[in-house]
Each structure stands twice: as structure tokens, then as C-alpha cells.
Amino acid sequence: MKIKCPKCDGIALLADDFSFVKCEPCALDMTYGEYVKIIAYKDHTYSDILGDYTNSTEGTKAGTLDDW
């Protein structure tokens, strides 16, 4: 699947099993989990998707990428 590269804003490839993201032009190679964190950090519209990786966000506040 083609997705937006967080490094060069070009087209990156997401593996069919969501195991990795690769971008040939800028040599990006990372796991999908790392990709999600970077996208959420770069674009605050997507920061809510980090909540999908926790059991509950009740009683917590928004943090930085380092907090995750």
C-alpha cells in the first residue's frame, strides 16, 4: 500500500502485513509502529491514533513523542 513518507513527503510503501514502511528515494526503513508515532508527532491531527495503543486514556494528558 502506498502511504506518505514522514521523512521526504514522497510515496512510501507499507507492507501488506503492516510490518514495515519503506521509502526508496530517502532510504527510510522503519516499523509501522515507529511510522505511526512519527506521523502523530509531525501532524497533531493524527495524535489521537496513539491512544489506540493504550488500554485507557482516562486521567491522562496529551504528551510529547518522548512520553510514548
N, C-alpha and C. Protein backbone atom coordinates (compact mmCIF):
# COMPACT_ATOMS: atom_id res chain seq x y z
N MET A 1 0.85 -1.17 0.00
CA MET A 1 0.00 0.00 0.00
C MET A 1 0.89 1.23 0.00
N LYS A 2 0.50 2.25 -0.70
CA LYS A 2 1.28 3.49 -0.77
C LYS A 2 0.78 4.45 0.30
N ILE A 3 1.75 5.00 1.04
CA ILE A 3 1.44 5.97 2.10
C ILE A 3 2.44 7.12 2.00
N LYS A 4 2.17 8.18 2.73
CA LYS A 4 3.04 9.36 2.72
C LYS A 4 4.28 9.11 3.58
N CYS A 5 5.44 9.40 3.01
CA CYS A 5 6.69 9.25 3.74
C CYS A 5 6.83 10.40 4.75
N PRO A 6 7.10 10.09 6.01
CA PRO A 6 7.23 11.15 7.01
C PRO A 6 8.55 11.91 6.91
N LYS A 7 9.49 11.35 6.18
CA LYS A 7 10.80 11.99 6.07
C LYS A 7 10.89 12.94 4.89
N CYS A 8 10.47 12.48 3.69
CA CYS A 8 10.62 13.32 2.50
C CYS A 8 9.28 13.73 1.88
N ASP A 9 8.17 13.31 2.48
CA ASP A 9 6.81 13.58 1.99
C ASP A 9 6.53 12.96 0.62
N GLY A 10 7.37 12.04 0.20
CA GLY A 10 7.14 11.31 -1.03
C GLY A 10 6.22 10.12 -0.79
N ILE A 11 6.28 9.14 -1.67
CA ILE A 11 5.45 7.95 -1.54
C ILE A 11 6.28 6.82 -0.94
N ALA A 12 5.81 6.31 0.20
CA ALA A 12 6.46 5.18 0.85
C ALA A 12 5.56 3.96 0.69
N LEU A 13 6.14 2.79 0.86
CA LEU A 13 5.38 1.56 0.74
C LEU A 13 5.18 0.92 2.11
N LEU A 14 3.94 0.60 2.40
CA LEU A 14 3.58 -0.10 3.64
C LEU A 14 3.38 -1.56 3.30
N ALA A 15 4.05 -2.44 4.03
CA ALA A 15 3.94 -3.87 3.78
C ALA A 15 2.49 -4.32 3.97
N ASP A 16 2.08 -5.32 3.23
CA ASP A 16 0.72 -5.84 3.32
C ASP A 16 0.36 -6.31 4.72
N ASP A 17 1.36 -6.77 5.47
CA ASP A 17 1.10 -7.24 6.83
C ASP A 17 1.38 -6.16 7.89
N PHE A 18 1.56 -4.91 7.45
CA PHE A 18 1.81 -3.77 8.32
C PHE A 18 3.08 -3.93 9.17
N SER A 19 4.05 -4.67 8.66
CA SER A 19 5.26 -4.90 9.44
C SER A 19 6.33 -3.83 9.25
N PHE A 20 6.32 -3.17 8.10
CA PHE A 20 7.33 -2.14 7.87
C PHE A 20 6.86 -1.09 6.87
N VAL A 21 7.57 0.04 6.88
CA VAL A 21 7.35 1.13 5.93
C VAL A 21 8.71 1.43 5.30
N LYS A 22 8.74 1.48 3.97
CA LYS A 22 9.99 1.76 3.26
C LYS A 22 9.76 2.84 2.21
N CYS A 23 10.74 3.72 2.07
CA CYS A 23 10.71 4.76 1.05
C CYS A 23 12.05 4.69 0.32
N GLU A 24 12.02 4.33 -0.94
CA GLU A 24 13.24 4.19 -1.74
C GLU A 24 14.01 5.51 -1.89
N PRO A 25 13.35 6.62 -2.28
CA PRO A 25 14.10 7.86 -2.53
C PRO A 25 14.93 8.36 -1.35
N CYS A 26 14.40 8.24 -0.13
CA CYS A 26 15.15 8.76 1.02
C CYS A 26 15.70 7.66 1.93
N ALA A 27 15.57 6.41 1.52
CA ALA A 27 16.11 5.26 2.26
C ALA A 27 15.46 5.06 3.63
N LEU A 28 14.23 5.50 3.79
CA LEU A 28 13.51 5.29 5.04
C LEU A 28 13.17 3.81 5.18
N ASP A 29 13.37 3.25 6.35
CA ASP A 29 13.04 1.85 6.63
C ASP A 29 12.73 1.75 8.11
N MET A 30 11.46 1.56 8.45
CA MET A 30 11.07 1.52 9.86
C MET A 30 9.85 0.62 10.03
N THR A 31 9.54 0.30 11.28
CA THR A 31 8.34 -0.48 11.57
C THR A 31 7.13 0.42 11.45
N TYR A 32 5.96 -0.20 11.31
CA TYR A 32 4.73 0.58 11.21
C TYR A 32 4.47 1.33 12.52
N GLY A 33 4.80 0.73 13.65
CA GLY A 33 4.63 1.40 14.94
C GLY A 33 5.43 2.69 15.03
N GLU A 34 6.68 2.63 14.55
CA GLU A 34 7.51 3.83 14.53
C GLU A 34 6.92 4.88 13.60
N TYR A 35 6.40 4.43 12.46
CA TYR A 35 5.77 5.33 11.49
C TYR A 35 4.59 6.07 12.12
N VAL A 36 3.74 5.33 12.83
CA VAL A 36 2.57 5.93 13.47
C VAL A 36 2.98 7.00 14.47
N LYS A 37 4.00 6.72 15.26
CA LYS A 37 4.48 7.70 16.24
C LYS A 37 5.00 8.96 15.57
N ILE A 38 5.76 8.80 14.49
CA ILE A 38 6.31 9.96 13.79
C ILE A 38 5.22 10.79 13.14
N ILE A 39 4.27 10.14 12.48
CA ILE A 39 3.16 10.86 11.85
C ILE A 39 2.35 11.61 12.89
N ALA A 40 2.06 10.97 14.01
CA ALA A 40 1.29 11.63 15.07
C ALA A 40 2.05 12.82 15.65
N TYR A 41 3.36 12.71 15.73
CA TYR A 41 4.18 13.79 16.26
C TYR A 41 4.26 14.96 15.28
N LYS A 42 4.40 14.65 13.98
CA LYS A 42 4.52 15.69 12.97
C LYS A 42 3.20 16.41 12.70
N ASP A 43 2.10 15.69 12.76
CA ASP A 43 0.79 16.26 12.44
C ASP A 43 -0.17 15.96 13.59
N HIS A 44 -0.46 16.99 14.37
CA HIS A 44 -1.27 16.80 15.57
C HIS A 44 -2.70 16.33 15.28
N THR A 45 -3.13 16.40 14.03
CA THR A 45 -4.46 15.89 13.68
C THR A 45 -4.51 14.39 13.93
N TYR A 46 -3.37 13.72 13.82
CA TYR A 46 -3.33 12.27 13.97
C TYR A 46 -2.90 11.83 15.36
N SER A 47 -2.70 12.74 16.28
CA SER A 47 -2.18 12.36 17.60
C SER A 47 -3.13 11.43 18.36
N ASP A 48 -4.42 11.46 18.05
CA ASP A 48 -5.36 10.57 18.72
C ASP A 48 -5.12 9.10 18.41
N ILE A 49 -4.47 8.79 17.29
CA ILE A 49 -4.25 7.38 16.95
C ILE A 49 -3.30 6.71 17.93
N LEU A 50 -2.48 7.50 18.63
CA LEU A 50 -1.60 6.90 19.63
C LEU A 50 -2.42 6.29 20.77
N GLY A 51 -3.60 6.81 21.00
CA GLY A 51 -4.48 6.26 22.03
C GLY A 51 -4.92 4.85 21.72
N ASP A 52 -4.89 4.46 20.46
CA ASP A 52 -5.26 3.09 20.09
C ASP A 52 -4.28 2.07 20.64
N TYR A 53 -3.10 2.52 21.04
CA TYR A 53 -2.09 1.60 21.54
C TYR A 53 -2.07 1.52 23.07
N THR A 54 -3.01 2.15 23.72
CA THR A 54 -3.09 2.08 25.17
C THR A 54 -4.44 1.51 25.57
N ASN A 55 -4.53 0.99 26.78
CA ASN A 55 -5.80 0.43 27.26
C ASN A 55 -6.83 1.51 27.52
N SER A 56 -6.41 2.58 28.17
CA SER A 56 -7.32 3.66 28.51
C SER A 56 -6.54 4.96 28.59
N THR A 57 -7.15 6.03 28.13
CA THR A 57 -6.51 7.35 28.24
C THR A 57 -7.17 8.20 29.31
N GLU A 58 -8.09 7.61 30.06
CA GLU A 58 -8.79 8.35 31.10
C GLU A 58 -7.80 8.79 32.18
N GLY A 59 -7.87 10.05 32.53
CA GLY A 59 -6.99 10.59 33.57
C GLY A 59 -5.60 10.93 33.08
N THR A 60 -5.36 10.86 31.78
CA THR A 60 -4.05 11.22 31.25
C THR A 60 -4.15 12.50 30.46
N LYS A 61 -3.01 13.11 30.23
CA LYS A 61 -2.98 14.33 29.43
C LYS A 61 -2.16 14.08 28.18
N ALA A 62 -2.33 14.94 27.22
CA ALA A 62 -1.55 14.82 25.99
C ALA A 62 -0.08 15.04 26.32
N GLY A 63 0.77 14.31 25.64
CA GLY A 63 2.21 14.44 25.88
C GLY A 63 2.98 14.58 24.59
N THR A 64 4.26 14.43 24.72
CA THR A 64 5.13 14.51 23.55
C THR A 64 5.44 13.10 23.06
N LEU A 65 6.12 13.00 21.97
CA LEU A 65 6.52 11.70 21.43
C LEU A 65 7.39 10.96 22.44
N ASP A 66 8.20 11.68 23.18
CA ASP A 66 9.08 11.05 24.17
C ASP A 66 8.29 10.38 25.29
N ASP A 67 7.10 10.91 25.58
CA ASP A 67 6.26 10.33 26.62
C ASP A 67 5.74 8.95 26.23
N TRP A 68 5.58 8.71 24.93
CA TRP A 68 5.03 7.45 24.47
C TRP A 68 6.11 6.42 24.44
